[in-house]
């Protein structure tokens, strides 16, 4: 999951830096540019809450489980 997020971030940075290979393909569709940040945020929440569920303190279990379910 972290590898996928890293590759997407790399492509985005290259596009906005003006790399010719990325600029030639043109601007991504508007719906992808709007959906992307929310999807990345939900993915990071899912990953973080899963880690807290696996190794975190038991006091955070209910909160982490709720966040995990919502972000999924």
N, C-alpha and C. Protein backbone atom coordinates (compact mmCIF):
# COMPACT_ATOMS: atom_id res chain seq x y z
N UNK A 1 0.83 -1.17 0.00
CA UNK A 1 0.00 0.00 0.00
C UNK A 1 0.88 1.25 0.00
N UNK A 2 1.92 1.22 0.81
CA UNK A 2 2.81 2.37 0.85
C UNK A 2 3.55 2.55 -0.48
N UNK A 3 3.87 1.45 -1.15
CA UNK A 3 4.51 1.54 -2.46
C UNK A 3 3.58 2.19 -3.48
N UNK A 4 2.32 1.82 -3.45
CA UNK A 4 1.35 2.41 -4.36
C UNK A 4 1.20 3.91 -4.10
N UNK A 5 1.09 4.30 -2.84
CA UNK A 5 0.99 5.72 -2.51
C UNK A 5 2.24 6.47 -2.94
N UNK A 6 3.40 5.84 -2.79
CA UNK A 6 4.65 6.48 -3.21
C UNK A 6 4.68 6.66 -4.73
N UNK A 7 4.23 5.67 -5.48
CA UNK A 7 4.27 5.78 -6.94
C UNK A 7 3.29 6.83 -7.44
N UNK A 8 2.13 6.92 -6.83
CA UNK A 8 1.15 7.93 -7.22
C UNK A 8 1.68 9.33 -6.89
N UNK A 9 2.29 9.47 -5.72
CA UNK A 9 2.87 10.75 -5.34
C UNK A 9 4.00 11.15 -6.29
N UNK A 10 4.82 10.18 -6.68
CA UNK A 10 5.91 10.44 -7.62
C UNK A 10 5.37 10.95 -8.96
N UNK A 11 4.33 10.30 -9.46
CA UNK A 11 3.74 10.74 -10.73
C UNK A 11 3.16 12.15 -10.61
N UNK A 12 2.49 12.41 -9.51
CA UNK A 12 1.89 13.73 -9.30
C UNK A 12 2.98 14.80 -9.23
N UNK A 13 4.04 14.54 -8.49
CA UNK A 13 5.11 15.52 -8.36
C UNK A 13 5.79 15.77 -9.71
N UNK A 14 6.03 14.73 -10.47
CA UNK A 14 6.63 14.91 -11.79
C UNK A 14 5.72 15.71 -12.71
N UNK A 15 4.44 15.48 -12.63
CA UNK A 15 3.51 16.24 -13.46
C UNK A 15 3.57 17.72 -13.11
N UNK A 16 3.48 18.03 -11.81
CA UNK A 16 3.46 19.43 -11.41
C UNK A 16 4.82 20.10 -11.51
N UNK A 17 5.91 19.32 -11.56
CA UNK A 17 7.23 19.89 -11.80
C UNK A 17 7.44 20.23 -13.27
N UNK A 18 6.60 19.68 -14.12
CA UNK A 18 6.67 20.00 -15.54
C UNK A 18 7.47 19.02 -16.37
N UNK A 19 7.67 17.79 -15.89
CA UNK A 19 8.39 16.78 -16.67
C UNK A 19 7.66 16.54 -17.98
N UNK A 20 8.41 16.56 -19.08
CA UNK A 20 7.78 16.51 -20.41
C UNK A 20 6.97 15.24 -20.64
N UNK A 21 7.44 14.11 -20.15
CA UNK A 21 6.70 12.85 -20.36
C UNK A 21 5.32 12.90 -19.71
N UNK A 22 5.23 13.58 -18.60
CA UNK A 22 3.95 13.67 -17.90
C UNK A 22 3.07 14.77 -18.49
N UNK A 23 3.68 15.84 -18.96
CA UNK A 23 2.94 16.96 -19.53
C UNK A 23 2.33 16.60 -20.90
N UNK A 24 3.01 15.74 -21.65
CA UNK A 24 2.51 15.37 -22.98
C UNK A 24 1.16 14.65 -22.91
N UNK A 25 0.94 13.91 -21.85
CA UNK A 25 -0.33 13.18 -21.71
C UNK A 25 -1.48 14.11 -21.34
N UNK A 26 -1.17 15.29 -20.86
CA UNK A 26 -2.21 16.26 -20.55
C UNK A 26 -2.68 16.18 -19.10
N UNK A 27 -3.60 17.06 -18.78
CA UNK A 27 -4.16 17.15 -17.43
C UNK A 27 -5.07 15.96 -17.16
N UNK A 28 -4.99 15.38 -15.95
CA UNK A 28 -5.92 14.32 -15.60
C UNK A 28 -7.35 14.85 -15.57
N UNK A 29 -8.33 13.99 -15.76
CA UNK A 29 -9.73 14.44 -15.69
C UNK A 29 -10.03 15.08 -14.33
N UNK A 30 -10.95 16.03 -14.34
CA UNK A 30 -11.30 16.77 -13.12
C UNK A 30 -11.77 15.82 -12.02
N UNK A 31 -12.57 14.83 -12.37
CA UNK A 31 -13.10 13.94 -11.33
C UNK A 31 -11.99 13.16 -10.66
N UNK A 32 -10.91 12.84 -11.37
CA UNK A 32 -9.78 12.15 -10.74
C UNK A 32 -9.01 13.08 -9.82
N UNK A 33 -8.87 14.34 -10.24
CA UNK A 33 -8.16 15.30 -9.39
C UNK A 33 -8.95 15.62 -8.12
N UNK A 34 -10.27 15.51 -8.18
CA UNK A 34 -11.09 15.73 -6.99
C UNK A 34 -11.17 14.49 -6.10
N UNK A 35 -11.22 13.34 -6.72
CA UNK A 35 -11.34 12.08 -5.98
C UNK A 35 -10.02 11.66 -5.33
N UNK A 36 -8.91 11.97 -5.96
CA UNK A 36 -7.59 11.51 -5.51
C UNK A 36 -7.24 11.84 -4.07
N UNK A 37 -7.29 13.11 -3.66
CA UNK A 37 -6.91 13.44 -2.28
C UNK A 37 -7.77 12.73 -1.23
N UNK A 38 -9.06 12.62 -1.49
CA UNK A 38 -9.94 11.92 -0.55
C UNK A 38 -9.61 10.44 -0.45
N UNK A 39 -9.32 9.84 -1.57
CA UNK A 39 -8.97 8.42 -1.59
C UNK A 39 -7.64 8.17 -0.88
N UNK A 40 -6.68 9.04 -1.11
CA UNK A 40 -5.39 8.91 -0.43
C UNK A 40 -5.57 9.10 1.07
N UNK A 41 -6.36 10.09 1.47
CA UNK A 41 -6.62 10.31 2.89
C UNK A 41 -7.30 9.13 3.55
N UNK A 42 -8.30 8.57 2.88
CA UNK A 42 -8.99 7.40 3.44
C UNK A 42 -8.05 6.20 3.53
N UNK A 43 -7.18 6.04 2.56
CA UNK A 43 -6.21 4.95 2.59
C UNK A 43 -5.25 5.10 3.76
N UNK A 44 -4.76 6.32 3.97
CA UNK A 44 -3.86 6.54 5.09
C UNK A 44 -4.56 6.33 6.43
N UNK A 45 -5.81 6.76 6.53
CA UNK A 45 -6.57 6.51 7.77
C UNK A 45 -6.77 5.02 8.00
N UNK A 46 -7.07 4.29 6.94
CA UNK A 46 -7.27 2.85 7.05
C UNK A 46 -5.99 2.17 7.52
N UNK A 47 -4.86 2.55 6.93
CA UNK A 47 -3.58 1.96 7.31
C UNK A 47 -3.22 2.31 8.76
N UNK A 48 -3.34 3.57 9.13
CA UNK A 48 -2.99 4.00 10.49
C UNK A 48 -3.89 3.36 11.54
N UNK A 49 -5.19 3.30 11.27
CA UNK A 49 -6.09 2.70 12.26
C UNK A 49 -5.86 1.19 12.37
N UNK A 50 -5.48 0.55 11.26
CA UNK A 50 -5.15 -0.88 11.32
C UNK A 50 -3.92 -1.14 12.16
N UNK A 51 -2.94 -0.25 12.03
CA UNK A 51 -1.73 -0.39 12.85
C UNK A 51 -2.05 -0.20 14.32
N UNK A 52 -2.88 0.80 14.63
CA UNK A 52 -3.28 1.04 16.02
C UNK A 52 -4.05 -0.16 16.56
N UNK A 53 -4.91 -0.76 15.74
CA UNK A 53 -5.65 -1.95 16.18
C UNK A 53 -4.71 -3.11 16.47
N UNK A 54 -3.66 -3.25 15.68
CA UNK A 54 -2.75 -4.38 15.83
C UNK A 54 -1.79 -4.21 17.00
N UNK A 55 -1.24 -3.02 17.16
CA UNK A 55 -0.18 -2.85 18.17
C UNK A 55 -0.44 -1.73 19.15
N UNK A 56 -1.54 -1.04 19.02
CA UNK A 56 -1.83 0.10 19.89
C UNK A 56 -2.39 -0.31 21.23
N UNK A 57 -2.51 0.65 22.14
CA UNK A 57 -3.08 0.36 23.46
C UNK A 57 -4.56 0.03 23.37
N UNK A 58 -5.01 -0.77 24.30
CA UNK A 58 -6.40 -1.23 24.27
C UNK A 58 -7.39 -0.09 24.49
N UNK A 59 -6.96 1.03 25.11
CA UNK A 59 -7.85 2.16 25.32
C UNK A 59 -8.29 2.79 24.00
N UNK A 60 -7.48 2.65 22.96
CA UNK A 60 -7.80 3.24 21.66
C UNK A 60 -8.50 2.27 20.72
N UNK A 61 -8.74 1.05 21.18
CA UNK A 61 -9.29 0.02 20.31
C UNK A 61 -10.63 0.41 19.71
N UNK A 62 -11.57 0.88 20.52
CA UNK A 62 -12.91 1.22 20.01
C UNK A 62 -12.84 2.36 19.00
N UNK A 63 -12.08 3.40 19.32
CA UNK A 63 -11.95 4.54 18.42
C UNK A 63 -11.28 4.13 17.11
N UNK A 64 -10.20 3.36 17.22
CA UNK A 64 -9.48 2.91 16.02
C UNK A 64 -10.36 2.01 15.17
N UNK A 65 -11.15 1.16 15.78
CA UNK A 65 -12.04 0.27 15.04
C UNK A 65 -13.10 1.07 14.30
N UNK A 66 -13.65 2.09 14.94
CA UNK A 66 -14.64 2.94 14.29
C UNK A 66 -14.02 3.66 13.10
N UNK A 67 -12.85 4.24 13.27
CA UNK A 67 -12.16 4.93 12.18
C UNK A 67 -11.83 3.95 11.06
N UNK A 68 -11.42 2.76 11.43
CA UNK A 68 -11.08 1.74 10.43
C UNK A 68 -12.30 1.36 9.58
N UNK A 69 -13.43 1.17 10.23
CA UNK A 69 -14.65 0.80 9.50
C UNK A 69 -15.12 1.94 8.59
N UNK A 70 -15.08 3.16 9.10
CA UNK A 70 -15.55 4.31 8.31
C UNK A 70 -14.64 4.56 7.12
N UNK A 71 -13.34 4.47 7.33
CA UNK A 71 -12.42 4.76 6.24
C UNK A 71 -12.42 3.65 5.19
N UNK A 72 -12.81 2.45 5.58
CA UNK A 72 -12.90 1.36 4.60
C UNK A 72 -14.08 1.56 3.70
